[in-house]
Every structure is written in structure tokens, then in C-alpha cells.
Amino acid sequence: MAATRGALIAPRARAKTKAAFLVRIRLGRALTYAILSLGCFLTLVPFLWMLGTSFKSSTEIIRLPPTLIPEKPTLQAYRTIVTDPRVPLARFYFNSTFVTTMVVGMVLFTSSLAGFIFAKYRFFGMNLLFTLILATMMIPFQVTMIPAYLILTKLHLTDSLWGLIVPSATSAFGIFLMKQFIEGIPTELLDAARIDGASELGIYTRIILPQMGPALATLGIFQFMGTWNDYLWPLIVITTTEKRTLPIMLTWYNSQHGARQDLSMAASVMVILPITVVYFLFQRWIVQGVALTGFK
């Protein structure tokens, strides 16, 4: 009887232990979701406030208590910015788009080519050269700003969009990212291509590049966001209004219309809108690219 009773109690005890374990897992998961949701909300509050303020009237902005969602949405702030004759908005968008597109394209080319060389070739001083390239990431931009400007002056590239493009044609972080990714490509695949008569340039264009989609997309997104939001260097190089970029336009609006928060917020929305669209379209490539780059 005792043995039978023990045999009946043991499954019940295991069932209770399993149920308690599942409850702990569910509570832990619910707590995790709650913390992540709170963090997500706190992160989005400034963006929601900016977006809501851009659709508010001047009287609603100064109302107390403040409202997050506009009660009577209006597009007056956007109309003012678009029709302002002192701000050639279309020209600013073109300048930012041209500079960002050129910089992203050149960085992807130079980084992938240099990463291919550092990952699959061996030559004298390679490690020292790669270390020096990585060391440039630790040098603040303010240190190299004056020498770079003097070089642009000698090349007659000041007050020119090319003065924004040429100094940003390479990226130490991009070279490092491409090198880490290309090291995961089997060298035997490259040797087989050489046996078949492929040139080194053919190996780069036909074998390396087609396999670097996630890494190139990740680097392209990072470079796009950095170049689009760049403010200090365009402010130094560009002096003509028609050649300025969107971040400079945003600063001008904040200085000229500091009391008009609706105009400042609307201008901010117009500046970050392309970045938001690009990020949401290609965000999955960031996780995939970083995961594949670190996988060995």
C-alpha cells in the first residue's frame, strides 16, 4: 500500500513542479515584455511629441496641461516651410540626397575592396596598416577638422558639395566590418575561381560582392544616417545658401523661429522622415548583417 501510494504521489508532485515552473516562465516573460514596452514607449515619446507638435496650432502648443495628440490638427507649419521664399527646400533636399548617395556609394566600394584585400591577401606590413586604419576611429573629428579643411582649400573644393563627399569617401569602420564578413567566405572558393581562370577583379565582382548583401546593406544604412545627419562639417565647408544641406536648414529655423515651436518641429520631421523610411525598409538587414559578420 505504501509503495502504491508513493507511486501515485510522485506524478502529482512532478506535475505541480512543472506547473510552478511554467508559471515562473510566464511571469518572467510578462515582466520582460512589460519592461521592454516601457522602454520602447519612453524612447518614442520625444518623437511622438515632435510629430504631434508639428500639427498643432500656436495656441495649442502653449496650452497647459500640454496635449500629446493635437486636438485640431493643422498643416499650417508645413505650408509655411514649403512656401517660405528664403528656404529653397527642394534644393536642400537635392543637396542632402546627392551628397548622401555619393558618400554611401563610395564608402561601400572602398570598404568592400579594402576589406577583401585585408581578409584574403597577405603582404608586408598588413597588420600594421590595418591597425593604423582602426586607430583613426579613436581620433576625434575635431582634431582632423582643420587639416582636412586646409586640404580642401588647396584643392579648391570649399563651398562645394564635393568638399563634403571627398573626405568621407572612406570609412575605417566600414573596412573593419567588411574584413570581418569576408573572412567568413571560404578561401577554397576563391582558389577554385583562380583555377578556372578568373582574375582578381573578377573574383571580387562575381564571388565576393554577391555574398556581401547583408554586410553592405548594414554599412549602407549606418553611413546613410551618419551622412544625412551631418551638421558640423557642412557648416564649415559650405557658405552659399543654395549649397547647404537639411541639417543646416533645421538649425536656421531654430535660430530664426525659436518662438515658433510648430515650425521647428515640422522642420525636424521633414529632416528625419527619409531616415525613418530607409530604416524601416532595411532594418532586418542590420540584424542579419551584424549576426553574419560576427559568426565564425
Protein backbone atom coordinates (compact mmCIF):
# COMPACT_ATOMS: atom_id res chain seq x y z
CA MET A 1 0.00 0.00 0.00
CA ALA A 2 2.79 2.41 0.87
CA ALA A 3 4.52 1.67 -2.41
CA THR A 4 1.29 2.22 -4.33
CA ARG A 5 0.61 5.49 -2.50
CA GLY A 6 4.17 6.66 -3.22
CA ALA A 7 3.78 5.78 -6.88
CA LEU A 8 0.61 7.94 -7.02
CA ILE A 9 2.12 10.90 -5.17
CA ALA A 10 5.27 11.10 -7.32
CA PRO A 11 3.46 12.01 -10.61
CA ARG A 12 1.37 14.62 -8.75
CA ALA A 13 4.50 16.20 -7.29
CA ARG A 14 6.13 16.30 -10.70
CA ALA A 15 3.01 17.84 -12.21
CA LYS A 16 2.93 20.55 -9.50
CA THR A 17 6.63 21.25 -10.01
CA LYS A 18 6.13 21.52 -13.76
CA ALA A 19 3.13 23.82 -13.32
CA ALA A 20 5.06 26.06 -10.94
CA PHE A 21 7.96 26.16 -13.40
CA LEU A 22 5.64 27.17 -16.26
CA VAL A 23 4.09 29.88 -14.09
CA ARG A 24 7.55 31.30 -13.32
CA ILE A 25 8.42 31.29 -17.01
CA ARG A 26 5.21 33.10 -17.91
CA LEU A 27 5.67 35.66 -15.16
CA GLY A 28 9.26 36.25 -16.23
CA ARG A 29 8.22 36.61 -19.84
CA ALA A 30 5.41 39.01 -18.91
CA LEU A 31 7.83 41.09 -16.81
CA THR A 32 10.31 41.18 -19.70
CA TYR A 33 7.63 42.32 -22.14
CA ALA A 34 6.47 44.97 -19.67
CA ILE A 35 9.99 46.37 -19.23
CA LEU A 36 10.64 46.36 -22.99
CA SER A 37 7.29 48.02 -23.68
CA LEU A 38 8.04 50.73 -21.12
CA GLY A 39 11.47 51.33 -22.61
CA CYS A 40 10.01 51.46 -26.12
CA PHE A 41 7.39 53.97 -25.02
CA LEU A 42 9.95 56.20 -23.28
CA THR A 43 12.08 56.09 -26.43
CA LEU A 44 9.18 57.05 -28.68
CA VAL A 45 7.82 59.88 -26.51
CA PRO A 46 10.21 62.57 -27.92
CA PHE A 47 9.41 61.52 -31.49
CA LEU A 48 5.67 61.43 -30.81
CA TRP A 49 5.89 64.85 -29.14
CA MET A 50 7.79 66.25 -32.13
CA LEU A 51 5.30 64.80 -34.60
CA GLY A 52 2.28 65.96 -32.61
CA THR A 53 3.66 69.47 -32.07
CA SER A 54 4.24 69.89 -35.82
CA PHE A 55 0.47 69.52 -36.37
CA LYS A 56 -0.57 71.83 -33.53
CA SER A 57 -1.52 75.48 -33.68
CA SER A 58 0.48 78.08 -31.76
CA THR A 59 -2.22 78.42 -29.11
CA GLU A 60 -2.46 74.68 -28.51
CA ILE A 61 1.32 74.36 -28.12
CA ILE A 62 1.41 76.71 -25.12
CA ARG A 63 -1.70 75.25 -23.51
CA LEU A 64 -1.44 73.80 -20.01
CA PRO A 65 -1.66 70.92 -19.38
CA PRO A 66 0.02 70.01 -22.67
CA THR A 67 -1.51 67.52 -25.10
CA LEU A 68 0.43 64.77 -26.84
CA ILE A 69 -2.11 64.30 -29.65
CA PRO A 70 -3.26 67.53 -31.35
CA GLU A 71 -6.95 68.24 -30.84
CA LYS A 72 -7.28 70.20 -34.09
CA PRO A 73 -4.50 69.04 -36.45
CA THR A 74 -3.30 71.62 -38.96
CA LEU A 75 -0.74 71.64 -41.77
CA GLN A 76 -0.01 75.35 -41.45
CA ALA A 77 3.56 74.79 -40.22
CA TYR A 78 4.39 72.59 -43.21
CA ARG A 79 2.79 75.09 -45.61
CA THR A 80 4.88 77.88 -44.12
CA ILE A 81 8.10 75.93 -44.57
CA VAL A 82 7.33 74.81 -48.12
CA THR A 83 6.25 78.28 -49.29
CA ASP A 84 8.99 80.25 -47.49
CA PRO A 85 10.97 82.04 -50.26
CA ARG A 86 14.04 82.28 -48.01
CA VAL A 87 14.32 78.49 -47.77
CA PRO A 88 14.76 76.61 -51.07
CA LEU A 89 13.57 73.35 -49.55
CA ALA A 90 13.74 71.35 -52.78
CA ARG A 91 17.34 72.45 -53.29
CA PHE A 92 18.24 71.44 -49.71
CA TYR A 93 16.70 68.01 -50.26
CA PHE A 94 18.61 67.60 -53.52
CA ASN A 95 21.90 68.60 -51.88
CA SER A 96 21.44 66.17 -48.98
CA THR A 97 20.31 63.36 -51.29
CA PHE A 98 23.21 63.90 -53.72
CA VAL A 99 25.86 64.07 -51.00
CA THR A 100 24.46 61.09 -49.10
CA THR A 101 24.10 58.92 -52.22
CA MET A 102 27.63 59.65 -53.39
CA VAL A 103 29.18 59.10 -49.96
CA VAL A 104 27.32 55.83 -49.39
CA GLY A 105 28.29 54.51 -52.83
CA MET A 106 31.96 55.44 -52.42
CA VAL A 107 32.16 54.06 -48.88
CA LEU A 108 30.61 50.75 -49.94
CA PHE A 109 33.09 50.43 -52.81
CA THR A 110 36.24 51.41 -50.91
CA SER A 111 35.30 49.46 -47.77
CA SER A 112 34.41 46.26 -49.60
CA LEU A 113 37.55 46.41 -51.75
CA ALA A 114 39.87 47.17 -48.82
CA GLY A 115 38.12 44.58 -46.66
CA PHE A 116 38.64 41.98 -49.40
CA ILE A 117 42.34 42.80 -49.58
CA PHE A 118 42.88 42.68 -45.81
CA ALA A 119 40.85 39.47 -45.44
CA LYS A 120 42.20 37.35 -48.31
CA TYR A 121 45.70 38.65 -49.06
CA ARG A 122 48.95 38.62 -47.12
CA PHE A 123 51.60 41.28 -47.66
CA PHE A 124 54.36 43.00 -45.72
CA GLY A 125 53.07 45.47 -43.13
CA MET A 126 49.45 44.35 -43.47
CA ASN A 127 48.77 44.09 -39.75
CA LEU A 128 50.44 47.43 -39.05
CA LEU A 129 48.47 49.16 -41.79
CA PHE A 130 45.19 47.67 -40.60
CA THR A 131 45.98 48.72 -37.02
CA LEU A 132 46.65 52.27 -38.16
CA ILE A 133 43.33 52.33 -40.02
CA LEU A 134 41.50 51.17 -36.90
CA ALA A 135 43.41 53.71 -34.81
CA THR A 136 41.86 56.53 -36.85
CA MET A 137 38.49 55.58 -35.33
CA MET A 138 39.77 56.77 -31.94
CA ILE A 139 40.79 60.21 -33.20
CA PRO A 140 38.05 62.82 -32.68
CA PHE A 141 36.82 64.61 -35.76
CA GLN A 142 37.67 67.97 -34.17
CA VAL A 143 41.36 67.02 -34.34
CA THR A 144 41.37 66.34 -38.10
CA MET A 145 38.86 69.05 -38.97
CA ILE A 146 41.37 71.85 -39.54
CA PRO A 147 43.88 69.78 -41.60
CA ALA A 148 41.00 68.45 -43.73
CA TYR A 149 39.73 71.97 -44.35
CA LEU A 150 43.21 73.16 -45.35
CA ILE A 151 43.49 70.27 -47.81
CA LEU A 152 40.12 71.17 -49.32
CA THR A 153 41.29 74.76 -49.64
CA LYS A 154 44.36 73.66 -51.59
CA LEU A 155 42.13 71.51 -53.83
CA HIS A 156 39.63 74.38 -54.32
CA LEU A 157 36.77 72.25 -53.00
CA THR A 158 35.47 74.59 -50.32
CA ASP A 159 31.88 75.83 -50.72
CA SER A 160 31.23 72.79 -52.92
CA LEU A 161 29.23 69.62 -52.47
CA TRP A 162 32.32 67.64 -53.47
CA GLY A 163 34.02 69.12 -50.42
CA LEU A 164 31.52 67.11 -48.37
CA ILE A 165 31.90 63.94 -50.45
CA VAL A 166 35.65 63.51 -50.95
CA PRO A 167 36.74 63.50 -47.26
CA SER A 168 34.02 60.92 -46.47
CA ALA A 169 34.85 58.51 -49.30
CA THR A 170 36.45 56.00 -46.93
CA SER A 171 35.42 54.59 -43.58
CA ALA A 172 37.63 52.79 -41.07
CA PHE A 173 34.58 51.17 -39.52
CA GLY A 174 33.41 50.05 -42.96
CA ILE A 175 36.78 48.44 -43.74
CA PHE A 176 36.72 46.61 -40.42
CA LEU A 177 33.13 45.43 -40.96
CA MET A 178 33.82 44.18 -44.49
CA LYS A 179 37.02 42.43 -43.44
CA GLN A 180 35.23 40.55 -40.66
CA PHE A 181 32.48 39.46 -43.03
CA ILE A 182 34.76 38.43 -45.92
CA GLU A 183 36.89 36.31 -43.60
CA GLY A 184 33.90 34.01 -43.29
CA ILE A 185 33.90 33.30 -47.04
CA PRO A 186 35.86 30.07 -47.74
CA THR A 187 39.22 30.71 -49.35
CA GLU A 188 38.83 27.45 -51.29
CA LEU A 189 36.03 29.11 -53.26
CA LEU A 190 38.42 31.83 -54.39
CA ASP A 191 41.14 29.29 -55.24
CA ALA A 192 38.68 27.34 -57.38
CA ALA A 193 37.82 30.52 -59.26
CA ARG A 194 41.52 31.22 -59.87
CA ILE A 195 41.98 27.70 -61.23
CA ASP A 196 39.10 28.35 -63.62
CA GLY A 197 40.94 31.43 -64.90
CA ALA A 198 39.10 34.18 -63.04
CA SER A 199 41.03 37.39 -62.45
CA GLU A 200 41.29 39.01 -59.03
CA LEU A 201 38.86 41.72 -60.10
CA GLY A 202 36.51 39.04 -61.39
CA ILE A 203 36.69 37.22 -58.05
CA TYR A 204 35.83 40.47 -56.28
CA THR A 205 32.89 41.33 -58.52
CA ARG A 206 31.48 37.84 -59.18
CA ILE A 207 32.15 35.96 -55.94
CA ILE A 208 32.78 38.39 -53.09
CA LEU A 209 30.21 41.11 -53.78
CA PRO A 210 27.20 38.79 -54.39
CA GLN A 211 27.73 37.23 -50.94
CA MET A 212 28.09 40.54 -49.10
CA GLY A 213 24.48 41.72 -49.33
CA PRO A 214 23.73 41.84 -45.57
CA ALA A 215 27.04 43.48 -44.67
CA LEU A 216 26.78 46.05 -47.47
CA ALA A 217 23.20 46.88 -46.52
CA THR A 218 24.16 47.30 -42.85
CA LEU A 219 27.10 49.57 -43.64
CA GLY A 220 24.99 51.49 -46.16
CA ILE A 221 22.28 52.20 -43.59
CA PHE A 222 24.76 53.34 -40.95
CA GLN A 223 26.58 55.55 -43.44
CA PHE A 224 23.32 56.95 -44.79
CA MET A 225 22.15 58.01 -41.34
CA GLY A 226 25.52 59.50 -40.41
CA THR A 227 25.91 61.48 -43.63
CA TRP A 228 22.30 62.66 -43.75
CA ASN A 229 22.51 63.98 -40.17
CA ASP A 230 25.98 65.50 -40.54
CA TYR A 231 25.94 69.12 -39.44
CA LEU A 232 29.36 70.38 -38.33
CA TRP A 233 31.36 69.62 -41.48
CA PRO A 234 28.78 71.06 -43.95
CA LEU A 235 28.52 74.14 -41.73
CA ILE A 236 32.28 74.68 -42.04
CA VAL A 237 32.71 73.87 -45.72
CA ILE A 238 29.54 75.36 -47.23
CA THR A 239 28.95 79.13 -47.20
CA THR A 240 26.41 79.55 -50.01
CA THR A 241 22.76 79.11 -49.09
CA GLU A 242 21.91 77.15 -52.24
CA LYS A 243 24.55 74.52 -51.41
CA ARG A 244 23.55 73.86 -47.82
CA THR A 245 22.01 70.64 -46.56
CA LEU A 246 18.93 69.91 -44.49
CA PRO A 247 20.52 69.86 -41.00
CA ILE A 248 21.77 73.40 -41.57
CA MET A 249 18.26 74.41 -42.62
CA LEU A 250 16.93 72.93 -39.38
CA THR A 251 19.38 74.95 -37.30
CA TRP A 252 18.45 78.10 -39.21
CA TYR A 253 14.80 77.55 -38.43
CA ASN A 254 15.53 77.01 -34.76
CA SER A 255 17.50 80.26 -34.60
CA GLN A 256 15.13 82.36 -36.69
CA HIS A 257 11.88 80.98 -35.33
CA GLY A 258 12.78 79.96 -31.79
CA ALA A 259 9.37 81.07 -30.54
CA ARG A 260 7.56 79.08 -33.24
CA GLN A 261 7.84 75.54 -31.97
CA ASP A 262 5.46 74.31 -34.64
CA LEU A 263 7.87 75.42 -37.39
CA SER A 264 10.88 73.91 -35.61
CA MET A 265 9.11 70.59 -35.08
CA ALA A 266 7.78 70.49 -38.64
CA ALA A 267 11.28 71.14 -39.99
CA SER A 268 12.63 68.36 -37.76
CA VAL A 269 10.03 65.93 -39.07
CA MET A 270 10.96 66.79 -42.66
CA VAL A 271 14.65 66.17 -41.90
CA ILE A 272 14.26 62.79 -40.20
CA LEU A 273 11.50 61.46 -42.46
CA PRO A 274 13.87 60.00 -45.13
CA ILE A 275 15.98 58.36 -42.42
CA THR A 276 12.91 56.80 -40.84
CA VAL A 277 11.69 55.43 -44.16
CA VAL A 278 15.09 53.97 -45.06
CA TYR A 279 15.50 52.40 -41.63
CA PHE A 280 12.09 50.72 -41.60
CA LEU A 281 12.61 49.39 -45.12
CA PHE A 282 16.02 47.87 -44.38
CA GLN A 283 16.04 47.29 -40.62
CA ARG A 284 16.11 43.50 -40.97
CA TRP A 285 19.42 43.77 -42.81
CA ILE A 286 21.03 45.36 -39.75
CA VAL A 287 20.43 42.35 -37.51
CA GLN A 288 21.27 39.89 -40.27
CA GLY A 289 24.44 41.74 -41.29
CA VAL A 290 25.77 42.12 -37.76
CA ALA A 291 24.94 38.49 -36.92
CA LEU A 292 26.66 37.14 -40.03
CA THR A 293 29.67 39.44 -39.54
CA GLY A 294 30.32 38.09 -36.05
CA PHE A 295 29.64 34.44 -36.95
CA LYS A 296 32.71 32.28 -37.46
